[in-house]
Amino acid sequence: MDMKAKSFYQELMDKGYSRRDFLKFCGMMGAMLGLQSSGVAQVVDALQNKPRKPVLWYHFQECTCCSESFLRSSHPLVGQILLEMISLDYSDTLMAAAGEQAEEVRHQAMKDNYGHYIMIVEGSVPLGSPGYCTIAGRDAKSIFDEGAAGAEAIIAWGNCASSGCIQHAYPNPTKTEPVHKIYSGKPIINVQGCPPIADVMAGVITYILTFDKLPELDNMRRPSVFYGRRIHDTCYRRPAYDAGLFVQSFDDENAKKGYCLYYMGCKGPNTFNSCAVIKWNNSISYPIQSGHGCIGCAEPNFWDYGPLYSHIPYVHGIGIEATADKIGAGLSAVALGGVLAHAVVTNIQKHKLIKNQMDDLSINEEDFDKTESHLENEKEKIEQKIKTEETDKL
């Protein structure tokens, strides 16, 4: 049996991993994908018996942070085993070959696996001057088209490939576009983030290998199992948000107490990702836990949202029922205002409840009065905006 005919399990055994390592990996992936025990058994069966999937990994306009995330996960079952799951036939960043030899490998891999390989794209594709991104003397667009033509499916790794990232930000001098804007006719999955979480990347590959199809996607082509909830809804600082307890500067007392970072520009309320659940670096932490607000890197056009430390004017939806599909891009200002007004009222009620317990919490009464006054003013502004919108409609 040649290397391409080997299963993931056989490859692991040859590399010295134990059966326990294999089952632990399958269990971890099954848990992340939300599978029942029968689903985990399917993962075990697929990775034990199916041949590894051939993969061609392309790099265009990007900083290689997606590859760094993929390779530098501190969890050995992801960082070390993951590359054994696939038959990585071409990656100009990771492969030993270079120049003409690398190009020969790529063309041979496309020829041998035409119609059956997964094309992974890291980076956006410029449509301006060919000189903005050339590989082996060819422009990025022609290389992409050549690879996409023979692919079974395309995975857009990271915000660059999924949305264009900073290259696509105004004024977009290279006229760069994400994968789904320049190609159609093949299944495309966006694995958002700058970079994506390594475990999420592993979960996507595991699902494809197990079920021979892409996972369920949201309206932005992201796998719903990982991008189905906002960071805000699973954030450990959410109770502080609901109670109206906010950090006003990074070095104030509220920051030391772990209050909500919304006013410091945190985009968690508008960002769909698994950072607060899966976390980073062997589930040690994530940006908000480290004291820095979410910058929204799993959302399209996040570089154009304004200054990173300016808070968003509206919070799209309240509660864990909010999903990217339910929110959509066309939610009216009146609906947003109504949702936020409800949230403000709830915050005032909770704020007063906590105020009654100040003696136990040892929190300054003046801080509470300031926050409560601010919430009351916000409520009045929102109610006036709703009345104005309703009058304009009539």
Protein backbone atom coordinates (compact mmCIF):
# COMPACT_ATOMS: atom_id res chain seq x y z
CA MET A 1 0.00 0.00 0.00
CA ASP A 2 1.48 3.35 -0.99
CA MET A 3 1.40 6.47 1.16
CA LYS A 4 -1.73 7.91 -0.48
CA ALA A 5 -3.68 4.72 0.17
CA LYS A 6 -2.95 4.82 3.89
CA SER A 7 -5.65 5.87 6.31
CA PHE A 8 -5.14 8.52 8.97
CA TYR A 9 -4.99 5.77 11.62
CA GLN A 10 -2.35 3.76 9.73
CA GLU A 11 -0.25 6.87 9.29
CA LEU A 12 -0.42 7.58 13.02
CA MET A 13 0.60 4.04 13.90
CA ASP A 14 3.58 4.30 11.57
CA LYS A 15 4.63 7.53 13.30
CA GLY A 16 4.55 5.94 16.73
CA TYR A 17 1.27 7.28 18.11
CA SER A 18 -0.80 4.98 20.33
CA ARG A 19 -4.36 3.76 19.91
CA ARG A 20 -5.17 5.90 22.95
CA ASP A 21 -3.87 9.01 21.16
CA PHE A 22 -6.04 8.22 18.16
CA LEU A 23 -9.21 7.67 20.21
CA LYS A 24 -8.54 10.78 22.28
CA PHE A 25 -8.25 12.85 19.13
CA CYS A 26 -11.49 11.39 17.72
CA GLY A 27 -13.30 12.06 20.99
CA MET A 28 -12.08 15.63 21.13
CA MET A 29 -13.12 16.31 17.55
CA GLY A 30 -16.51 14.68 18.11
CA ALA A 31 -17.11 16.84 21.17
CA MET A 32 -16.22 20.04 19.31
CA LEU A 33 -18.52 19.08 16.45
CA GLY A 34 -21.35 18.41 18.89
CA LEU A 35 -21.68 14.75 17.88
CA GLN A 36 -23.38 12.07 19.96
CA SER A 37 -21.56 8.85 20.78
CA SER A 38 -22.73 7.32 17.51
CA GLY A 39 -21.25 10.29 15.66
CA VAL A 40 -17.92 9.88 17.44
CA ALA A 41 -17.96 6.22 16.36
CA GLN A 42 -18.34 7.44 12.77
CA VAL A 43 -15.29 9.65 13.21
CA VAL A 44 -13.30 6.68 14.52
CA ASP A 45 -14.45 4.45 11.66
CA ALA A 46 -13.76 7.06 8.97
CA LEU A 47 -10.28 8.01 10.16
CA GLN A 48 -9.40 4.36 10.74
CA ASN A 49 -10.44 3.05 7.33
CA LYS A 50 -10.74 5.82 4.76
CA PRO A 51 -7.67 6.85 2.79
CA ARG A 52 -6.30 10.26 3.59
CA LYS A 53 -7.73 13.13 1.55
CA PRO A 54 -5.26 14.76 -0.87
CA VAL A 55 -4.86 18.48 -0.16
CA LEU A 56 -3.23 21.30 -2.10
CA TRP A 57 -2.58 24.36 0.08
CA TYR A 58 -2.18 27.66 -1.80
CA HIS A 59 -0.83 30.98 -0.47
CA PHE A 60 -1.66 34.34 -2.00
CA GLN A 61 -1.93 37.81 -0.37
CA GLU A 62 -1.55 37.04 3.34
CA CYS A 63 0.85 37.01 6.28
CA THR A 64 0.84 33.20 6.84
CA CYS A 65 -0.77 33.61 10.30
CA CYS A 66 -3.30 30.88 9.42
CA SER A 67 -0.49 28.38 8.85
CA GLU A 68 1.17 29.57 12.05
CA SER A 69 -2.04 28.98 14.00
CA PHE A 70 -2.47 25.56 12.37
CA LEU A 71 1.07 24.44 13.13
CA ARG A 72 1.70 26.08 16.48
CA SER A 73 -1.27 24.85 18.45
CA SER A 74 0.10 23.84 21.83
CA HIS A 75 -2.23 20.84 21.92
CA PRO A 76 -0.19 17.91 20.51
CA LEU A 77 -3.27 16.13 19.17
CA VAL A 78 -3.89 19.08 16.88
CA GLY A 79 -0.47 20.54 16.20
CA GLN A 80 1.31 17.22 15.59
CA ILE A 81 -1.39 14.82 14.41
CA LEU A 82 -3.38 17.13 12.17
CA LEU A 83 -1.03 17.14 9.23
CA GLU A 84 -1.12 13.34 9.27
CA MET A 85 -4.90 13.45 8.69
CA ILE A 86 -4.46 14.75 5.20
CA SER A 87 -2.13 13.95 2.37
CA LEU A 88 -0.61 17.41 2.05
CA ASP A 89 0.67 17.08 -1.48
CA TYR A 90 1.51 20.74 -2.02
CA SER A 91 2.17 23.71 0.28
CA ASP A 92 4.80 26.19 -0.81
CA THR A 93 5.26 27.28 2.83
CA LEU A 94 5.71 23.85 4.41
CA MET A 95 7.23 21.70 1.68
CA ALA A 96 10.95 21.10 1.33
CA ALA A 97 10.92 21.55 -2.45
CA ALA A 98 11.26 25.02 -3.96
CA GLY A 99 11.26 26.69 -7.35
CA GLU A 100 10.79 24.38 -10.35
CA GLN A 101 10.63 21.30 -8.12
CA ALA A 102 7.73 22.77 -6.14
CA GLU A 103 5.85 23.58 -9.34
CA GLU A 104 6.40 20.04 -10.61
CA VAL A 105 4.97 18.64 -7.39
CA ARG A 106 1.89 20.87 -7.67
CA HIS A 107 1.15 19.93 -11.26
CA GLN A 108 1.67 16.23 -10.59
CA ALA A 109 -0.62 16.35 -7.54
CA MET A 110 -3.36 18.06 -9.57
CA LYS A 111 -3.02 15.52 -12.35
CA ASP A 112 -3.03 12.45 -10.06
CA ASN A 113 -6.00 13.62 -7.96
CA TYR A 114 -8.01 15.70 -10.43
CA GLY A 115 -11.57 16.16 -9.16
CA HIS A 116 -10.80 14.55 -5.78
CA TYR A 117 -8.50 16.91 -3.89
CA ILE A 118 -9.33 19.64 -1.38
CA MET A 119 -8.00 23.06 -2.31
CA ILE A 120 -7.07 25.14 0.73
CA VAL A 121 -6.59 28.83 0.02
CA GLU A 122 -4.78 31.10 2.45
CA GLY A 123 -4.83 34.73 1.38
CA SER A 124 -6.89 36.92 -0.90
CA VAL A 125 -6.52 37.11 -4.68
CA PRO A 126 -5.68 40.50 -6.23
CA LEU A 127 -7.43 41.37 -9.47
CA GLY A 128 -5.33 44.47 -10.13
CA SER A 129 -1.81 44.42 -11.54
CA PRO A 130 -0.40 40.86 -11.83
CA GLY A 131 2.68 42.19 -10.06
CA TYR A 132 0.80 42.48 -6.75
CA CYS A 133 1.12 38.71 -6.22
CA THR A 134 3.10 36.43 -8.49
CA ILE A 135 4.29 32.86 -7.96
CA ALA A 136 6.83 31.27 -10.30
CA GLY A 137 6.32 34.17 -12.69
CA ARG A 138 2.52 33.74 -12.86
CA ASP A 139 -0.21 35.95 -11.43
CA ALA A 140 -2.25 34.72 -8.46
CA LYS A 141 -5.59 34.68 -10.31
CA SER A 142 -4.44 32.28 -13.04
CA ILE A 143 -2.84 29.95 -10.47
CA PHE A 144 -6.01 30.00 -8.39
CA ASP A 145 -8.25 29.24 -11.38
CA GLU A 146 -6.02 26.34 -12.39
CA GLY A 147 -6.16 24.80 -8.91
CA ALA A 148 -9.89 25.42 -8.42
CA ALA A 149 -10.80 23.71 -11.70
CA GLY A 150 -9.71 20.29 -10.42
CA ALA A 151 -10.75 20.67 -6.79
CA GLU A 152 -13.53 18.70 -5.13
CA ALA A 153 -14.13 21.57 -2.68
CA ILE A 154 -12.39 24.77 -1.60
CA ILE A 155 -11.62 25.81 1.98
CA ALA A 156 -10.91 29.51 2.43
CA TRP A 157 -8.62 29.65 5.48
CA GLY A 158 -8.84 32.87 7.46
CA ASN A 159 -10.25 36.33 6.89
CA CYS A 160 -8.00 37.07 3.89
CA ALA A 161 -9.36 34.21 1.80
CA SER A 162 -12.89 34.45 3.26
CA SER A 163 -13.40 38.22 3.20
CA GLY A 164 -10.28 39.95 1.88
CA CYS A 165 -9.09 41.17 5.30
CA ILE A 166 -6.84 44.24 5.44
CA GLN A 167 -5.91 43.98 1.74
CA HIS A 168 -9.61 44.43 0.92
CA ALA A 169 -10.00 47.42 3.28
CA TYR A 170 -10.71 50.84 1.79
CA PRO A 171 -9.39 51.90 -0.66
CA ASN A 172 -8.32 48.35 -1.69
CA PRO A 173 -5.43 49.42 -3.95
CA THR A 174 -4.73 45.89 -5.25
CA LYS A 175 -8.43 45.28 -6.05
CA THR A 176 -8.28 42.11 -4.00
CA GLU A 177 -11.30 39.83 -3.52
CA PRO A 178 -12.11 36.82 -1.34
CA VAL A 179 -12.43 33.36 -2.85
CA HIS A 180 -16.24 33.24 -3.05
CA LYS A 181 -16.32 36.52 -5.01
CA ILE A 182 -14.06 35.29 -7.81
CA TYR A 183 -15.14 31.66 -8.22
CA SER A 184 -18.33 29.60 -8.23
CA GLY A 185 -19.40 26.12 -9.21
CA LYS A 186 -17.56 24.30 -6.41
CA PRO A 187 -18.46 23.96 -2.71
CA ILE A 188 -16.70 26.75 -0.78
CA ILE A 189 -16.38 26.95 3.00
CA ASN A 190 -15.15 30.05 4.84
CA VAL A 191 -13.18 29.37 8.03
CA GLN A 192 -13.07 32.90 9.39
CA GLY A 193 -10.63 34.50 11.78
CA CYS A 194 -7.32 36.32 11.64
CA PRO A 195 -6.18 33.66 12.15
CA PRO A 196 -8.76 30.91 12.72
CA ILE A 197 -8.48 28.81 15.88
CA ALA A 198 -6.32 25.73 15.16
CA ASP A 199 -8.89 23.41 16.74
CA VAL A 200 -11.60 24.84 14.48
CA MET A 201 -9.44 24.14 11.45
CA ALA A 202 -8.98 20.57 12.70
CA GLY A 203 -12.71 20.18 13.26
CA VAL A 204 -13.56 21.27 9.72
CA ILE A 205 -11.12 18.78 8.18
CA THR A 206 -12.35 16.00 10.49
CA TYR A 207 -15.96 16.61 9.48
CA ILE A 208 -15.16 16.53 5.76
CA LEU A 209 -13.14 13.33 6.09
CA THR A 210 -15.81 11.65 8.22
CA PHE A 211 -18.98 12.54 6.35
CA ASP A 212 -17.63 13.25 2.82
CA LYS A 213 -19.42 16.60 2.75
CA LEU A 214 -19.10 20.11 4.10
CA PRO A 215 -20.59 20.88 7.52
CA GLU A 216 -23.76 22.95 7.77
CA LEU A 217 -22.94 26.54 6.84
CA ASP A 218 -24.44 29.89 7.84
CA ASN A 219 -25.33 32.66 5.41
CA MET A 220 -21.65 33.65 5.18
CA ARG A 221 -20.54 30.10 4.29
CA ARG A 222 -19.05 29.55 7.76
CA PRO A 223 -19.54 26.22 9.61
CA SER A 224 -22.43 26.87 11.99
CA VAL A 225 -21.07 24.50 14.62
CA PHE A 226 -18.16 26.90 15.22
CA TYR A 227 -19.68 30.22 14.16
CA GLY A 228 -23.26 29.75 15.35
CA ARG A 229 -23.04 31.96 18.44
CA ARG A 230 -21.61 35.36 19.19
CA ILE A 231 -18.56 35.68 21.41
CA HIS A 232 -20.74 38.00 23.51
CA ASP A 233 -23.18 35.20 24.33
CA THR A 234 -20.54 32.84 25.71
CA CYS A 235 -18.23 35.46 27.25
CA TYR A 236 -17.52 35.15 30.96
CA ARG A 237 -17.85 38.96 31.22
CA ARG A 238 -21.44 38.84 29.94
CA PRO A 239 -22.98 39.13 33.45
CA ALA A 240 -21.12 42.43 33.89
CA TYR A 241 -22.58 43.67 30.60
CA ASP A 242 -26.10 42.70 31.68
CA ALA A 243 -25.60 44.51 34.98
CA GLY A 244 -24.27 47.66 33.32
CA LEU A 245 -20.76 47.31 34.71
CA PHE A 246 -18.23 48.55 32.14
CA VAL A 247 -14.53 49.27 31.86
CA GLN A 248 -14.00 52.95 30.98
CA SER A 249 -10.22 52.80 30.50
CA PHE A 250 -7.78 49.92 30.38
CA ASP A 251 -6.13 50.93 33.65
CA ASP A 252 -9.19 51.77 35.75
CA GLU A 253 -10.53 49.87 38.74
CA ASN A 254 -13.32 48.35 36.65
CA ALA A 255 -10.72 46.74 34.40
CA LYS A 256 -9.09 45.17 37.45
CA LYS A 257 -12.48 43.80 38.52
CA GLY A 258 -13.00 42.12 35.14
CA TYR A 259 -15.98 44.20 34.01
CA CYS A 260 -17.28 44.28 30.43
CA LEU A 261 -15.01 45.75 27.72
CA TYR A 262 -17.86 46.97 25.48
CA TYR A 263 -16.94 50.67 25.84
CA MET A 264 -13.32 49.85 25.07
CA GLY A 265 -14.35 48.82 21.55
CA CYS A 266 -15.03 45.12 22.12
CA LYS A 267 -16.77 43.70 19.04
CA GLY A 268 -17.87 40.53 20.82
CA PRO A 269 -21.59 41.47 20.52
CA ASN A 270 -21.28 41.50 16.71
CA THR A 271 -18.78 38.70 16.18
CA PHE A 272 -19.59 35.03 15.61
CA ASN A 273 -16.80 32.68 16.63
CA SER A 274 -15.79 30.05 19.21
CA CYS A 275 -13.05 32.03 20.97
CA ALA A 276 -14.85 32.11 24.33
CA VAL A 277 -15.58 28.36 24.23
CA ILE A 278 -12.60 26.66 22.56
CA LYS A 279 -10.12 29.46 23.37
CA TRP A 280 -6.49 29.50 22.23
CA ASN A 281 -3.19 27.90 23.23
CA ASN A 282 -4.54 24.66 24.63
CA SER A 283 -7.69 26.43 25.86
CA ILE A 284 -5.70 28.68 28.20
CA SER A 285 -7.19 32.04 27.23
CA TYR A 286 -8.57 34.31 24.53
CA PRO A 287 -8.25 38.09 23.91
CA ILE A 288 -11.12 39.19 26.18
CA GLN A 289 -9.87 37.00 29.01
CA SER A 290 -6.45 38.59 28.56
CA GLY A 291 -7.96 42.05 29.03
CA HIS A 292 -8.33 43.18 25.41
CA GLY A 293 -11.63 43.55 23.60
CA CYS A 294 -12.53 41.45 20.57
CA ILE A 295 -11.61 43.20 17.29
CA GLY A 296 -14.15 41.23 15.25
CA CYS A 297 -11.64 39.38 13.06
CA ALA A 298 -14.12 36.59 12.24
CA GLU A 299 -16.43 39.08 10.50
CA PRO A 300 -16.17 40.50 6.95
CA ASN A 301 -14.74 44.02 6.53
CA PHE A 302 -13.75 44.34 10.18
CA TRP A 303 -10.90 46.68 9.23
CA ASP A 304 -13.45 49.18 7.90
CA TYR A 305 -15.64 49.21 11.01
CA GLY A 306 -13.84 52.27 12.36
CA PRO A 307 -11.23 52.67 15.08
CA LEU A 308 -10.65 49.42 16.94
CA TYR A 309 -11.21 51.11 20.29
CA SER A 310 -14.48 52.84 19.40
CA HIS A 311 -17.48 50.87 20.61
CA ILE A 312 -20.18 49.78 18.17
CA PRO A 313 -23.34 51.93 18.30
CA TYR A 314 -25.75 49.01 18.38
CA VAL A 315 -25.71 45.53 19.83
CA HIS A 316 -27.28 43.16 17.31
CA GLY A 317 -29.68 41.06 19.31
CA ILE A 318 -29.66 39.99 22.93
CA GLY A 319 -29.47 36.38 24.11
CA ILE A 320 -27.95 33.13 22.97
CA GLU A 321 -30.70 32.68 20.36
CA ALA A 322 -28.95 35.23 18.12
CA THR A 323 -27.29 33.71 15.04
CA ALA A 324 -25.78 35.17 11.89
CA ASP A 325 -28.74 33.90 9.87
CA LYS A 326 -31.33 35.42 12.22
CA ILE A 327 -29.63 38.80 12.44
CA GLY A 328 -28.84 39.30 8.76
CA ALA A 329 -27.66 42.50 7.14
CA GLY A 330 -31.08 44.11 6.71
CA LEU A 331 -32.29 44.36 10.31
CA SER A 332 -34.04 47.74 10.65
CA ALA A 333 -32.90 50.50 12.98
CA VAL A 334 -36.26 50.39 14.75
CA ALA A 335 -35.84 46.70 15.54
CA LEU A 336 -32.30 47.31 16.73
CA GLY A 337 -33.48 50.18 18.86
CA GLY A 338 -36.26 48.10 20.37
CA VAL A 339 -33.87 45.28 21.22
CA LEU A 340 -31.36 47.68 22.76
CA ALA A 341 -34.06 49.54 24.68
CA HIS A 342 -35.16 46.23 26.17
CA ALA A 343 -31.56 45.50 27.09
CA VAL A 344 -31.15 48.90 28.74
CA VAL A 345 -34.30 48.41 30.82
CA THR A 346 -33.03 44.99 31.87
CA ASN A 347 -29.66 46.49 32.73
CA ILE A 348 -31.28 49.17 34.91
CA GLN A 349 -33.26 46.55 36.81
CA LYS A 350 -30.21 44.37 37.36
CA HIS A 351 -28.13 47.42 38.20
CA LYS A 352 -30.54 48.38 41.00
CA LEU A 353 -30.58 44.82 42.28
CA ILE A 354 -26.80 44.76 42.53
CA LYS A 355 -26.79 48.21 44.10
CA ASN A 356 -28.80 46.82 47.01
CA GLN A 357 -25.94 44.41 47.62
CA MET A 358 -23.16 47.02 47.45
CA ASP A 359 -22.14 46.57 51.04
CA ASP A 360 -21.33 42.94 50.38
CA LEU A 361 -19.59 43.70 47.10
CA SER A 362 -17.69 46.77 48.40
CA ILE A 363 -18.45 48.77 45.26
CA ASN A 364 -18.44 52.58 45.28
CA GLU A 365 -21.96 54.09 45.26
CA GLU A 366 -20.89 57.05 43.12
CA ASP A 367 -19.82 54.69 40.31
CA PHE A 368 -23.23 53.04 40.40
CA ASP A 369 -25.06 56.36 40.27
CA LYS A 370 -23.04 57.49 37.25
CA THR A 371 -23.67 54.25 35.36
CA GLU A 372 -27.38 54.25 36.23
CA SER A 373 -27.77 57.84 35.04
CA HIS A 374 -25.99 56.95 31.81
CA LEU A 375 -28.33 54.00 31.24
CA GLU A 376 -31.42 56.14 31.85
CA ASN A 377 -30.19 58.70 29.31
CA GLU A 378 -29.50 55.94 26.77
CA LYS A 379 -33.01 54.58 27.27
CA GLU A 380 -34.56 58.01 26.63
CA LYS A 381 -32.49 58.50 23.47
CA ILE A 382 -33.48 55.12 22.09
CA GLU A 383 -37.18 55.62 22.84
CA GLN A 384 -37.06 58.99 21.05
CA LYS A 385 -35.32 57.40 18.06
CA ILE A 386 -37.99 54.69 17.84
CA LYS A 387 -40.78 57.32 17.91
CA THR A 388 -39.03 59.30 15.16
CA GLU A 389 -38.62 56.21 12.98
CA GLU A 390 -42.28 55.26 13.43
CA THR A 391 -43.40 58.82 12.57
CA ASP A 392 -41.27 58.82 9.41
CA LYS A 393 -42.84 55.51 8.32
CA LEU A 394 -46.33 56.96 8.72
